[in-house]
Amino acid sequence: MKDTIANKPRVQWGKQLVIGAGCLLLMTGCATTSAPSARKTTFEPVASVPLTEGRITLVNPDLKFVVVDYSGTTVPAAGATLTVYRDDKPVGAVRLTEPAHGQFTTADILKGDLQVGDRVR
C-alpha cells in the first residue's frame, strides 16, 4: 500500500499540518524589507495623567470630613486612601467613605489643613 496522507492515521496527519503551519509562520515572520539596524524606533513622551482626580467642594474641619466632586471621572472605591494636592504639592490625605451620591462622595480627613478646591488623587 502506498504511503499517502489519506492512508496515514489522523494523529500523524495532524502533526504534519501543525508543523507545516508553524514553519510557514516562521518564514513569514522573518521576512523584512530592511535590516534591523536601519530601522528607527522613536518614542513620544506621554504625559502622566491620573485615572481619577476629584476636587474638594466642602470642608468640615470640626467633624474632619470633606465632600469630593468626581465630575467626568470614576469615583474610586470606598476605603481608598488618597493624597490631597494644592498647586501640585501634597498637603494632606483622606480616606473615602460610603455612600457615594452620583459624582460626589465623602472622605474622612486623615491629615492636613484642606481647603475647597484642593485636588484629590
PDB file of N, CA and C in Angstrom:
ATOM      1  N   MET A   1       0.839  -1.170   0.000  1.00  0.00           N
ATOM      2  CA  MET A   1       0.000   0.000   0.000  1.00  0.00           C
ATOM      3  C   MET A   1       0.892   1.243   0.000  1.00  0.00           C
ATOM      4  N   LYS A   2       0.518   2.244  -0.781  1.00  0.00           N
ATOM      5  CA  LYS A   2       1.288   3.472  -0.864  1.00  0.00           C
ATOM      6  C   LYS A   2       1.146   4.270   0.427  1.00  0.00           C
ATOM      7  N   ASP A   3       2.208   5.006   0.755  1.00  0.00           N
ATOM      8  CA  ASP A   3       2.199   5.842   1.960  1.00  0.00           C
ATOM      9  C   ASP A   3       1.722   7.245   1.565  1.00  0.00           C
ATOM     10  N   THR A   4       0.427   7.469   1.620  1.00  0.00           N
ATOM     11  CA  THR A   4      -0.149   8.767   1.272  1.00  0.00           C
ATOM     12  C   THR A   4      -0.826   9.353   2.505  1.00  0.00           C
ATOM     13  N   ILE A   5      -1.175  10.634   2.436  1.00  0.00           N
ATOM     14  CA  ILE A   5      -1.844  11.307   3.551  1.00  0.00           C
ATOM     15  C   ILE A   5      -3.156  10.625   3.887  1.00  0.00           C
ATOM     16  N   ALA A   6      -3.869  10.168   2.874  1.00  0.00           N
ATOM     17  CA  ALA A   6      -5.162   9.527   3.103  1.00  0.00           C
ATOM     18  C   ALA A   6      -5.011   8.226   3.887  1.00  0.00           C
ATOM     19  N   ASN A   7      -3.865   7.529   3.749  1.00  0.00           N
ATOM     20  CA  ASN A   7      -3.662   6.259   4.427  1.00  0.00           C
ATOM     21  C   ASN A   7      -3.057   6.414   5.820  1.00  0.00           C
ATOM     22  N   LYS A   8      -2.552   7.584   6.182  1.00  0.00           N
ATOM     23  CA  LYS A   8      -1.905   7.790   7.478  1.00  0.00           C
ATOM     24  C   LYS A   8      -2.960   8.019   8.557  1.00  0.00           C
ATOM     25  N   PRO A   9      -2.649   7.632   9.780  1.00  0.00           N
ATOM     26  CA  PRO A   9      -3.581   7.900  10.874  1.00  0.00           C
ATOM     27  C   PRO A   9      -3.774   9.405  11.046  1.00  0.00           C
ATOM     28  N   ARG A  10      -4.949   9.790  11.560  1.00  0.00           N
ATOM     29  CA  ARG A  10      -5.299  11.213  11.723  1.00  0.00           C
ATOM     30  C   ARG A  10      -4.298  11.956  12.610  1.00  0.00           C
ATOM     31  N   VAL A  11      -3.790  11.332  13.658  1.00  0.00           N
ATOM     32  CA  VAL A  11      -2.864  11.997  14.569  1.00  0.00           C
ATOM     33  C   VAL A  11      -1.602  12.409  13.826  1.00  0.00           C
ATOM     34  N   GLN A  12      -1.034  11.497  13.034  1.00  0.00           N
ATOM     35  CA  GLN A  12       0.179  11.799  12.298  1.00  0.00           C
ATOM     36  C   GLN A  12      -0.089  12.892  11.262  1.00  0.00           C
ATOM     37  N   TRP A  13      -1.215  12.857  10.600  1.00  0.00           N
ATOM     38  CA  TRP A  13      -1.576  13.871   9.607  1.00  0.00           C
ATOM     39  C   TRP A  13      -1.732  15.227  10.294  1.00  0.00           C
ATOM     40  N   GLY A  14      -2.315  15.224  11.485  1.00  0.00           N
ATOM     41  CA  GLY A  14      -2.489  16.465  12.241  1.00  0.00           C
ATOM     42  C   GLY A  14      -1.156  17.066  12.647  1.00  0.00           C
ATOM     43  N   LYS A  15      -0.200  16.220  13.046  1.00  0.00           N
ATOM     44  CA  LYS A  15       1.126  16.695  13.421  1.00  0.00           C
ATOM     45  C   LYS A  15       1.805  17.368  12.245  1.00  0.00           C
ATOM     46  N   GLN A  16       1.699  16.742  11.066  1.00  0.00           N
ATOM     47  CA  GLN A  16       2.332  17.304   9.878  1.00  0.00           C
ATOM     48  C   GLN A  16       1.718  18.656   9.532  1.00  0.00           C
ATOM     49  N   LEU A  17       0.422  18.775   9.693  1.00  0.00           N
ATOM     50  CA  LEU A  17      -0.261  20.028   9.408  1.00  0.00           C
ATOM     51  C   LEU A  17       0.205  21.126  10.359  1.00  0.00           C
ATOM     52  N   VAL A  18       0.302  20.820  11.636  1.00  0.00           N
ATOM     53  CA  VAL A  18       0.755  21.800  12.632  1.00  0.00           C
ATOM     54  C   VAL A  18       2.190  22.210  12.372  1.00  0.00           C
ATOM     55  N   ILE A  19       3.053  21.244  12.088  1.00  0.00           N
ATOM     56  CA  ILE A  19       4.460  21.548  11.804  1.00  0.00           C
ATOM     57  C   ILE A  19       4.576  22.415  10.555  1.00  0.00           C
ATOM     58  N   GLY A  20       3.819  22.077   9.524  1.00  0.00           N
ATOM     59  CA  GLY A  20       3.846  22.866   8.283  1.00  0.00           C
ATOM     60  C   GLY A  20       3.366  24.293   8.514  1.00  0.00           C
ATOM     61  N   ALA A  21       2.291  24.452   9.268  1.00  0.00           N
ATOM     62  CA  ALA A  21       1.770  25.800   9.558  1.00  0.00           C
ATOM     63  C   ALA A  21       2.772  26.593  10.384  1.00  0.00           C
ATOM     64  N   GLY A  22       3.434  25.943  11.343  1.00  0.00           N
ATOM     65  CA  GLY A  22       4.440  26.620  12.159  1.00  0.00           C
ATOM     66  C   GLY A  22       5.611  27.091  11.321  1.00  0.00           C
ATOM     67  N   CYS A  23       6.069  26.247  10.398  1.00  0.00           N
ATOM     68  CA  CYS A  23       7.172  26.635   9.517  1.00  0.00           C
ATOM     69  C   CYS A  23       6.784  27.821   8.641  1.00  0.00           C
ATOM     70  N   LEU A  24       5.560  27.783   8.142  1.00  0.00           N
ATOM     71  CA  LEU A  24       5.076  28.880   7.309  1.00  0.00           C
ATOM     72  C   LEU A  24       5.052  30.194   8.095  1.00  0.00           C
ATOM     73  N   LEU A  25       4.584  30.147   9.332  1.00  0.00           N
ATOM     74  CA  LEU A  25       4.561  31.344  10.169  1.00  0.00           C
ATOM     75  C   LEU A  25       5.960  31.861  10.458  1.00  0.00           C
ATOM     76  N   LEU A  26       6.882  30.952  10.733  1.00  0.00           N
ATOM     77  CA  LEU A  26       8.258  31.367  10.994  1.00  0.00           C
ATOM     78  C   LEU A  26       8.884  32.037   9.783  1.00  0.00           C
ATOM     79  N   MET A  27       8.628  31.482   8.597  1.00  0.00           N
ATOM     80  CA  MET A  27       9.212  32.060   7.381  1.00  0.00           C
ATOM     81  C   MET A  27       8.631  33.432   7.083  1.00  0.00           C
ATOM     82  N   THR A  28       7.339  33.628   7.289  1.00  0.00           N
ATOM     83  CA  THR A  28       6.750  34.933   7.001  1.00  0.00           C
ATOM     84  C   THR A  28       7.129  35.942   8.055  1.00  0.00           C
ATOM     85  N   GLY A  29       7.356  35.502   9.295  1.00  0.00           N
ATOM     86  CA  GLY A  29       7.749  36.421  10.359  1.00  0.00           C
ATOM     87  C   GLY A  29       9.156  36.933  10.179  1.00  0.00           C
ATOM     88  N   CYS A  30       9.992  36.204   9.489  1.00  0.00           N
ATOM     89  CA  CYS A  30      11.380  36.597   9.294  1.00  0.00           C
ATOM     90  C   CYS A  30      11.563  37.506   8.085  1.00  0.00           C
ATOM     91  N   ALA A  31      10.561  37.595   7.225  1.00  0.00           N
ATOM     92  CA  ALA A  31      10.692  38.432   6.039  1.00  0.00           C
ATOM     93  C   ALA A  31      10.677  39.898   6.444  1.00  0.00           C
ATOM     94  N   THR A  32      11.637  40.659   5.948  1.00  0.00           N
ATOM     95  CA  THR A  32      11.705  42.091   6.248  1.00  0.00           C
ATOM     96  C   THR A  32      12.245  42.823   5.029  1.00  0.00           C
ATOM     97  N   THR A  33      11.887  44.075   4.930  1.00  0.00           N
ATOM     98  CA  THR A  33      12.335  44.859   3.776  1.00  0.00           C
ATOM     99  C   THR A  33      13.591  45.647   4.082  1.00  0.00           C
ATOM    100  N   SER A  34      13.939  45.764   5.354  1.00  0.00           N
ATOM    101  CA  SER A  34      15.153  46.494   5.691  1.00  0.00           C
ATOM    102  C   SER A  34      15.872  45.787   6.832  1.00  0.00           C
ATOM    103  N   ALA A  35      17.152  46.078   6.944  1.00  0.00           N
ATOM    104  CA  ALA A  35      17.949  45.472   8.007  1.00  0.00           C
ATOM    105  C   ALA A  35      17.505  46.059   9.342  1.00  0.00           C
ATOM    106  N   PRO A  36      17.564  45.286  10.426  1.00  0.00           N
ATOM    107  CA  PRO A  36      17.144  45.790  11.732  1.00  0.00           C
ATOM    108  C   PRO A  36      17.884  47.053  12.150  1.00  0.00           C
ATOM    109  N   SER A  37      19.152  47.186  11.807  1.00  0.00           N
ATOM    110  CA  SER A  37      19.905  48.368  12.210  1.00  0.00           C
ATOM    111  C   SER A  37      19.447  49.615  11.460  1.00  0.00           C
ATOM    112  N   ALA A  38      18.813  49.452  10.308  1.00  0.00           N
ATOM    113  CA  ALA A  38      18.369  50.593   9.524  1.00  0.00           C
ATOM    114  C   ALA A  38      17.040  51.160  10.031  1.00  0.00           C
ATOM    115  N   ARG A  39      16.287  50.358  10.795  1.00  0.00           N
ATOM    116  CA  ARG A  39      15.002  50.822  11.314  1.00  0.00           C
ATOM    117  C   ARG A  39      15.212  51.718  12.517  1.00  0.00           C
ATOM    118  N   LYS A  40      14.402  52.779  12.609  1.00  0.00           N
ATOM    119  CA  LYS A  40      14.455  53.675  13.752  1.00  0.00           C
ATOM    120  C   LYS A  40      13.170  53.537  14.539  1.00  0.00           C
ATOM    121  N   THR A  41      13.313  53.455  15.836  1.00  0.00           N
ATOM    122  CA  THR A  41      12.149  53.426  16.697  1.00  0.00           C
ATOM    123  C   THR A  41      12.180  54.689  17.533  1.00  0.00           C
ATOM    124  N   THR A  42      11.119  55.458  17.434  1.00  0.00           N
ATOM    125  CA  THR A  42      11.051  56.672  18.235  1.00  0.00           C
ATOM    126  C   THR A  42       9.895  56.545  19.204  1.00  0.00           C
ATOM    127  N   PHE A  43      10.090  57.111  20.374  1.00  0.00           N
ATOM    128  CA  PHE A  43       9.063  57.082  21.398  1.00  0.00           C
ATOM    129  C   PHE A  43       8.657  58.502  21.736  1.00  0.00           C
ATOM    130  N   GLU A  44       7.368  58.727  21.718  1.00  0.00           N
ATOM    131  CA  GLU A  44       6.838  60.023  22.089  1.00  0.00           C
ATOM    132  C   GLU A  44       6.586  60.029  23.593  1.00  0.00           C
ATOM    133  N   PRO A  45       6.994  61.080  24.305  1.00  0.00           N
ATOM    134  CA  PRO A  45       6.693  61.135  25.738  1.00  0.00           C
ATOM    135  C   PRO A  45       5.186  61.287  25.946  1.00  0.00           C
ATOM    136  N   VAL A  46       4.700  60.613  26.950  1.00  0.00           N
ATOM    137  CA  VAL A  46       3.278  60.663  27.269  1.00  0.00           C
ATOM    138  C   VAL A  46       3.131  61.331  28.622  1.00  0.00           C
ATOM    139  N   ALA A  47       2.244  62.311  28.693  1.00  0.00           N
ATOM    140  CA  ALA A  47       2.019  62.994  29.959  1.00  0.00           C
ATOM    141  C   ALA A  47       1.377  62.036  30.946  1.00  0.00           C
ATOM    142  N   SER A  48       1.840  62.070  32.157  1.00  0.00           N
ATOM    143  CA  SER A  48       1.283  61.225  33.211  1.00  0.00           C
ATOM    144  C   SER A  48       0.034  61.907  33.768  1.00  0.00           C
ATOM    145  N   VAL A  49      -1.105  61.277  33.547  1.00  0.00           N
ATOM    146  CA  VAL A  49      -2.375  61.831  33.999  1.00  0.00           C
ATOM    147  C   VAL A  49      -3.036  60.810  34.911  1.00  0.00           C
ATOM    148  N   PRO A  50      -3.448  61.238  36.110  1.00  0.00           N
ATOM    149  CA  PRO A  50      -4.098  60.274  36.986  1.00  0.00           C
ATOM    150  C   PRO A  50      -5.417  59.804  36.387  1.00  0.00           C
ATOM    151  N   LEU A  51      -5.768  58.538  36.659  1.00  0.00           N
ATOM    152  CA  LEU A  51      -7.007  57.999  36.127  1.00  0.00           C
ATOM    153  C   LEU A  51      -8.214  58.696  36.735  1.00  0.00           C
ATOM    154  N   THR A  52      -8.154  59.003  38.012  1.00  0.00           N
ATOM    155  CA  THR A  52      -9.256  59.702  38.658  1.00  0.00           C
ATOM    156  C   THR A  52      -8.705  60.842  39.487  1.00  0.00           C
ATOM    157  N   GLU A  53      -9.355  61.971  39.363  1.00  0.00           N
ATOM    158  CA  GLU A  53      -8.981  63.127  40.166  1.00  0.00           C
ATOM    159  C   GLU A  53     -10.250  63.844  40.566  1.00  0.00           C
ATOM    160  N   GLY A  54     -10.380  64.099  41.849  1.00  0.00           N
ATOM    161  CA  GLY A  54     -11.547  64.808  42.353  1.00  0.00           C
ATOM    162  C   GLY A  54     -11.145  66.166  42.899  1.00  0.00           C
ATOM    163  N   ARG A  55     -12.160  66.989  43.147  1.00  0.00           N
ATOM    164  CA  ARG A  55     -11.925  68.328  43.683  1.00  0.00           C
ATOM    165  C   ARG A  55     -12.751  68.471  44.956  1.00  0.00           C
ATOM    166  N   ILE A  56     -12.128  68.964  46.008  1.00  0.00           N
ATOM    167  CA  ILE A  56     -12.843  69.163  47.267  1.00  0.00           C
ATOM    168  C   ILE A  56     -13.804  70.333  47.111  1.00  0.00           C
ATOM    169  N   THR A  57     -15.075  70.093  47.426  1.00  0.00           N
ATOM    170  CA  THR A  57     -16.104  71.131  47.291  1.00  0.00           C
ATOM    171  C   THR A  57     -16.616  71.632  48.637  1.00  0.00           C
ATOM    172  N   LEU A  58     -16.345  70.884  49.724  1.00  0.00           N
ATOM    173  CA  LEU A  58     -16.766  71.297  51.050  1.00  0.00           C
ATOM    174  C   LEU A  58     -15.811  70.705  52.073  1.00  0.00           C
ATOM    175  N   VAL A  59     -15.440  71.514  53.068  1.00  0.00           N
ATOM    176  CA  VAL A  59     -14.561  71.052  54.141  1.00  0.00           C
ATOM    177  C   VAL A  59     -15.269  71.306  55.468  1.00  0.00           C
ATOM    178  N   ASN A  60     -15.350  70.266  56.313  1.00  0.00           N
ATOM    179  CA  ASN A  60     -15.883  70.407  57.664  1.00  0.00           C
ATOM    180  C   ASN A  60     -14.772  70.019  58.635  1.00  0.00           C
ATOM    181  N   PRO A  61     -13.997  71.031  59.111  1.00  0.00           N
ATOM    182  CA  PRO A  61     -12.859  70.716  59.980  1.00  0.00           C
ATOM    183  C   PRO A  61     -13.289  70.195  61.355  1.00  0.00           C
ATOM    184  N   ASP A  62     -14.470  70.603  61.831  1.00  0.00           N
ATOM    185  CA  ASP A  62     -14.932  70.142  63.146  1.00  0.00           C
ATOM    186  C   ASP A  62     -15.218  68.638  63.142  1.00  0.00           C
ATOM    187  N   LEU A  63     -15.885  68.151  62.105  1.00  0.00           N
ATOM    188  CA  LEU A  63     -16.194  66.722  62.004  1.00  0.00           C
ATOM    189  C   LEU A  63     -15.148  65.953  61.195  1.00  0.00           C
ATOM    190  N   LYS A  64     -14.127  66.664  60.730  1.00  0.00           N
ATOM    191  CA  LYS A  64     -12.987  66.079  59.995  1.00  0.00           C
ATOM    192  C   LYS A  64     -13.419  65.281  58.772  1.00  0.00           C
ATOM    193  N   PHE A  65     -14.218  65.918  57.893  1.00  0.00           N
ATOM    194  CA  PHE A  65     -14.549  65.268  56.629  1.00  0.00           C
ATOM    195  C   PHE A  65     -14.635  66.314  55.531  1.00  0.00           C
ATOM    196  N   VAL A  66     -14.563  65.818  54.289  1.00  0.00           N
ATOM    197  CA  VAL A  66     -14.688  66.665  53.099  1.00  0.00           C
ATOM    198  C   VAL A  66     -15.672  66.017  52.145  1.00  0.00           C
ATOM    199  N   VAL A  67     -16.209  66.818  51.225  1.00  0.00           N
ATOM    200  CA  VAL A  67     -17.002  66.300  50.113  1.00  0.00           C
ATOM    201  C   VAL A  67     -16.153  66.479  48.868  1.00  0.00           C
ATOM    202  N   VAL A  68     -16.037  65.398  48.084  1.00  0.00           N
ATOM    203  CA  VAL A  68     -15.195  65.410  46.889  1.00  0.00           C
ATOM    204  C   VAL A  68     -16.075  65.233  45.658  1.00  0.00           C
ATOM    205  N   ASP A  69     -15.862  66.084  44.651  1.00  0.00           N
ATOM    206  CA  ASP A  69     -16.596  66.034  43.383  1.00  0.00           C
ATOM    207  C   ASP A  69     -15.722  65.340  42.346  1.00  0.00           C
ATOM    208  N   TYR A  70     -16.236  64.246  41.785  1.00  0.00           N
ATOM    209  CA  TYR A  70     -15.530  63.495  40.746  1.00  0.00           C
ATOM    210  C   TYR A  70     -16.228  63.658  39.398  1.00  0.00           C
ATOM    211  N   SER A  71     -16.615  64.871  39.041  1.00  0.00           N
ATOM    212  CA  SER A  71     -17.275  65.120  37.754  1.00  0.00           C
ATOM    213  C   SER A  71     -16.395  64.664  36.601  1.00  0.00           C
ATOM    214  N   GLY A  72     -16.987  63.915  35.670  1.00  0.00           N
ATOM    215  CA  GLY A  72     -16.278  63.497  34.461  1.00  0.00           C
ATOM    216  C   GLY A  72     -15.299  62.361  34.659  1.00  0.00           C
ATOM    217  N   THR A  73     -15.278  61.741  35.812  1.00  0.00           N
ATOM    218  CA  THR A  73     -14.360  60.631  36.052  1.00  0.00           C
ATOM    219  C   THR A  73     -15.027  59.619  36.978  1.00  0.00           C
ATOM    220  N   THR A  74     -14.395  58.507  37.176  1.00  0.00           N
ATOM    221  CA  THR A  74     -14.943  57.443  38.000  1.00  0.00           C
ATOM    222  C   THR A  74     -14.625  57.701  39.465  1.00  0.00           C
ATOM    223  N   VAL A  75     -15.604  57.512  40.327  1.00  0.00           N
ATOM    224  CA  VAL A  75     -15.396  57.664  41.759  1.00  0.00           C
ATOM    225  C   VAL A  75     -14.655  56.420  42.267  1.00  0.00           C
ATOM    226  N   PRO A  76     -13.510  56.593  42.948  1.00  0.00           N
ATOM    227  CA  PRO A  76     -12.798  55.440  43.494  1.00  0.00           C
ATOM    228  C   PRO A  76     -13.643  54.724  44.552  1.00  0.00           C
ATOM    229  N   ALA A  77     -13.258  53.507  44.875  1.00  0.00           N
ATOM    230  CA  ALA A  77     -13.998  52.692  45.835  1.00  0.00           C
ATOM    231  C   ALA A  77     -13.872  53.251  47.247  1.00  0.00           C
ATOM    232  N   ALA A  78     -14.935  53.065  48.023  1.00  0.00           N
ATOM    233  CA  ALA A  78     -14.908  53.461  49.429  1.00  0.00           C
ATOM    234  C   ALA A  78     -13.782  52.724  50.129  1.00  0.00           C
ATOM    235  N   GLY A  79     -13.117  53.420  51.037  1.00  0.00           N
ATOM    236  CA  GLY A  79     -11.992  52.838  51.767  1.00  0.00           C
ATOM    237  C   GLY A  79     -10.644  53.192  51.167  1.00  0.00           C
ATOM    238  N   ALA A  80     -10.649  53.742  49.956  1.00  0.00           N
ATOM    239  CA  ALA A  80      -9.384  54.118  49.309  1.00  0.00           C
ATOM    240  C   ALA A  80      -8.766  55.299  50.050  1.00  0.00           C
ATOM    241  N   THR A  81      -7.471  55.225  50.309  1.00  0.00           N
ATOM    242  CA  THR A  81      -6.734  56.328  50.920  1.00  0.00           C
ATOM    243  C   THR A  81      -6.039  57.083  49.798  1.00  0.00           C
ATOM    244  N   LEU A  82      -6.327  58.392  49.716  1.00  0.00           N
ATOM    245  CA  LEU A  82      -5.822  59.205  48.614  1.00  0.00           C
ATOM    246  C   LEU A  82      -5.070  60.421  49.153  1.00  0.00           C
ATOM    247  N   THR A  83      -4.190  60.946  48.321  1.00  0.00           N
ATOM    248  CA  THR A  83      -3.420  62.139  48.673  1.00  0.00           C
ATOM    249  C   THR A  83      -4.138  63.375  48.147  1.00  0.00           C
ATOM    250  N   VAL A  84      -4.073  64.447  48.923  1.00  0.00           N
ATOM    251  CA  VAL A  84      -4.687  65.721  48.546  1.00  0.00           C
ATOM    252  C   VAL A  84      -3.568  66.668  48.131  1.00  0.00           C
ATOM    253  N   TYR A  85      -3.775  67.367  46.993  1.00  0.00           N
ATOM    254  CA  TYR A  85      -2.768  68.258  46.435  1.00  0.00           C
ATOM    255  C   TYR A  85      -3.304  69.677  46.315  1.00  0.00           C
ATOM    256  N   ARG A  86      -2.416  70.643  46.519  1.00  0.00           N
ATOM    257  CA  ARG A  86      -2.704  72.048  46.255  1.00  0.00           C
ATOM    258  C   ARG A  86      -1.517  72.568  45.460  1.00  0.00           C
ATOM    259  N   ASP A  87      -1.773  73.090  44.290  1.00  0.00           N
ATOM    260  CA  ASP A  87      -0.703  73.553  43.394  1.00  0.00           C
ATOM    261  C   ASP A  87       0.326  72.441  43.144  1.00  0.00           C
ATOM    262  N   ASP A  88      -0.171  71.219  42.920  1.00  0.00           N
ATOM    263  CA  ASP A  88       0.650  70.040  42.637  1.00  0.00           C
ATOM    264  C   ASP A  88       1.609  69.664  43.762  1.00  0.00           C
ATOM    265  N   LYS A  89       1.359  70.143  44.976  1.00  0.00           N
ATOM    266  CA  LYS A  89       2.162  69.754  46.140  1.00  0.00           C
ATOM    267  C   LYS A  89       1.253  69.034  47.124  1.00  0.00           C
ATOM    268  N   PRO A  90       1.686  67.893  47.674  1.00  0.00           N
ATOM    269  CA  PRO A  90       0.845  67.176  48.629  1.00  0.00           C
ATOM    270  C   PRO A  90       0.633  67.998  49.904  1.00  0.00           C
ATOM    271  N   VAL A  91      -0.634  68.092  50.327  1.00  0.00           N
ATOM    272  CA  VAL A  91      -0.962  68.871  51.531  1.00  0.00           C
ATOM    273  C   VAL A  91      -1.734  68.058  52.565  1.00  0.00           C
ATOM    274  N   GLY A  92      -2.103  66.818  52.235  1.00  0.00           N
ATOM    275  CA  GLY A  92      -2.855  66.018  53.184  1.00  0.00           C
ATOM    276  C   GLY A  92      -3.255  64.678  52.610  1.00  0.00           C
ATOM    277  N   ALA A  93      -4.103  63.971  53.379  1.00  0.00           N
ATOM    278  CA  ALA A  93      -4.591  62.658  52.954  1.00  0.00           C
ATOM    279  C   ALA A  93      -6.016  62.468  53.452  1.00  0.00           C
ATOM    280  N   VAL A  94      -6.800  61.716  52.679  1.00  0.00           N
ATOM    281  CA  VAL A  94      -8.186  61.415  53.033  1.00  0.00           C
ATOM    282  C   VAL A  94      -8.463  59.940  52.775  1.00  0.00           C
ATOM    283  N   ARG A  95      -9.504  59.421  53.436  1.00  0.00           N
ATOM    284  CA  ARG A  95      -9.973  58.046  53.176  1.00  0.00           C
ATOM    285  C   ARG A  95     -11.432  58.157  52.757  1.00  0.00           C
ATOM    286  N   LEU A  96     -11.756  57.679  51.552  1.00  0.00           N
ATOM    287  CA  LEU A  96     -13.116  57.771  51.034  1.00  0.00           C
ATOM    288  C   LEU A  96     -14.060  56.906  51.862  1.00  0.00           C
ATOM    289  N   THR A  97     -15.264  57.440  52.087  1.00  0.00           N
ATOM    290  CA  THR A  97     -16.275  56.730  52.864  1.00  0.00           C
ATOM    291  C   THR A  97     -17.504  56.516  51.997  1.00  0.00           C
ATOM    292  N   GLU A  98     -18.415  55.700  52.491  1.00  0.00           N
ATOM    293  CA  GLU A  98     -19.670  55.453  51.775  1.00  0.00           C
ATOM    294  C   GLU A  98     -20.739  56.358  52.347  1.00  0.00           C
ATOM    295  N   PRO A  99     -21.792  56.590  51.679  1.00  0.00           N
ATOM    296  CA  PRO A  99     -22.044  56.204  50.294  1.00  0.00           C
ATOM    297  C   PRO A  99     -21.653  57.323  49.350  1.00  0.00           C
ATOM    298  N   ALA A 100     -21.408  56.975  48.101  1.00  0.00           N
ATOM    299  CA  ALA A 100     -21.200  57.979  47.051  1.00  0.00           C
ATOM    300  C   ALA A 100     -22.563  58.307  46.471  1.00  0.00           C
ATOM    301  N   HIS A 101     -22.779  59.564  46.164  1.00  0.00           N
ATOM    302  CA  HIS A 101     -24.038  60.011  45.558  1.00  0.00           C
ATOM    303  C   HIS A 101     -23.715  60.592  44.189  1.00  0.00           C
ATOM    304  N   GLY A 102     -23.843  59.754  43.168  1.00  0.00           N
ATOM    305  CA  GLY A 102     -23.504  60.198  41.815  1.00  0.00           C
ATOM    306  C   GLY A 102     -22.022  60.511  41.741  1.00  0.00           C
ATOM    307  N   GLN A 103     -21.707  61.745  41.383  1.00  0.00           N
ATOM    308  CA  GLN A 103     -20.312  62.157  41.232  1.00  0.00           C
ATOM    309  C   GLN A 103     -19.692  62.621  42.545  1.00  0.00           C
ATOM    310  N   PHE A 104     -20.475  62.695  43.625  1.00  0.00           N
ATOM    311  CA  PHE A 104     -19.987  63.185  44.908  1.00  0.00           C
ATOM    312  C   PHE A 104     -19.786  62.046  45.898  1.00  0.00           C
ATOM    313  N   THR A 105     -18.738  62.182  46.712  1.00  0.00           N
ATOM    314  CA  THR A 105     -18.509  61.236  47.795  1.00  0.00           C
ATOM    315  C   THR A 105     -17.907  61.991  48.970  1.00  0.00           C
ATOM    316  N   THR A 106     -17.973  61.389  50.129  1.00  0.00           N
ATOM    317  CA  THR A 106     -17.373  61.996  51.316  1.00  0.00           C
ATOM    318  C   THR A 106     -16.081  61.261  51.646  1.00  0.00           C
ATOM    319  N   ALA A 107     -15.231  61.951  52.417  1.00  0.00           N
ATOM    320  CA  ALA A 107     -13.961  61.348  52.814  1.00  0.00           C
ATOM    321  C   ALA A 107     -13.566  61.889  54.178  1.00  0.00           C
ATOM    322  N   ASP A 108     -13.031  61.010  55.004  1.00  0.00           N
ATOM    323  CA  ASP A 108     -12.508  61.412  56.305  1.00  0.00           C
ATOM    324  C   ASP A 108     -11.137  62.040  56.114  1.00  0.00           C
ATOM    325  N   ILE A 109     -10.879  63.140  56.815  1.00  0.00           N
ATOM    326  CA  ILE A 109      -9.568  63.788  56.763  1.00  0.00           C
ATOM    327  C   ILE A 109      -8.614  63.004  57.657  1.00  0.00           C
ATOM    328  N   LEU A 110      -7.536  62.498  57.079  1.00  0.00           N
ATOM    329  CA  LEU A 110      -6.529  61.764  57.841  1.00  0.00           C
ATOM    330  C   LEU A 110      -5.416  62.684  58.318  1.00  0.00           C
ATOM    331  N   LYS A 111      -5.040  63.634  57.459  1.00  0.00           N
ATOM    332  CA  LYS A 111      -4.026  64.622  57.844  1.00  0.00           C
ATOM    333  C   LYS A 111      -4.094  65.809  56.905  1.00  0.00           C
ATOM    334  N   GLY A 112      -3.616  66.944  57.391  1.00  0.00           N
ATOM    335  CA  GLY A 112      -3.526  68.141  56.575  1.00  0.00           C
ATOM    336  C   GLY A 112      -4.607  69.162  56.870  1.00  0.00           C
ATOM    337  N   ASP A 113      -4.340  70.396  56.436  1.00  0.00           N
ATOM    338  CA  ASP A 113      -5.282  71.506  56.542  1.00  0.00           C
ATOM    339  C   ASP A 113      -5.852  71.720  55.142  1.00  0.00           C
ATOM    340  N   LEU A 114      -6.971  71.050  54.852  1.00  0.00           N
ATOM    341  CA  LEU A 114      -7.511  71.011  53.500  1.00  0.00           C
ATOM    342  C   LEU A 114      -8.407  72.193  53.232  1.00  0.00           C
ATOM    343  N   GLN A 115      -8.496  72.565  51.947  1.00  0.00           N
ATOM    344  CA  GLN A 115      -9.300  73.710  51.523  1.00  0.00           C
ATOM    345  C   GLN A 115     -10.164  73.322  50.324  1.00  0.00           C
ATOM    346  N   VAL A 116     -11.255  74.078  50.131  1.00  0.00           N
ATOM    347  CA  VAL A 116     -12.077  73.920  48.941  1.00  0.00           C
ATOM    348  C   VAL A 116     -11.205  74.196  47.714  1.00  0.00           C
ATOM    349  N   GLY A 117     -11.294  73.336  46.722  1.00  0.00           N
ATOM    350  CA  GLY A 117     -10.500  73.490  45.510  1.00  0.00           C
ATOM    351  C   GLY A 117      -9.283  72.586  45.453  1.00  0.00           C
ATOM    352  N   ASP A 118      -8.879  72.034  46.604  1.00  0.00           N
ATOM    353  CA  ASP A 118      -7.745  71.082  46.603  1.00  0.00           C
ATOM    354  C   ASP A 118      -8.116  69.871  45.753  1.00  0.00           C
ATOM    355  N   ARG A 119      -7.117  69.255  45.128  1.00  0.00           N
ATOM    356  CA  ARG A 119      -7.321  68.088  44.265  1.00  0.00           C
ATOM    357  C   ARG A 119      -7.020  66.808  45.021  1.00  0.00           C
ATOM    358  N   VAL A 120      -7.848  65.790  44.788  1.00  0.00           N
ATOM    359  CA  VAL A 120      -7.705  64.503  45.450  1.00  0.00           C
ATOM    360  C   VAL A 120      -7.337  63.463  44.394  1.00  0.00           C
ATOM    361  N   ARG A 121      -6.192  62.794  44.599  1.00  0.00           N
ATOM    362  CA  ARG A 121      -5.744  61.743  43.672  1.00  0.00           C
ATOM    363  C   ARG A 121      -5.323  60.520  44.450  1.00  0.00           C
TER     364      ARG A 121
END
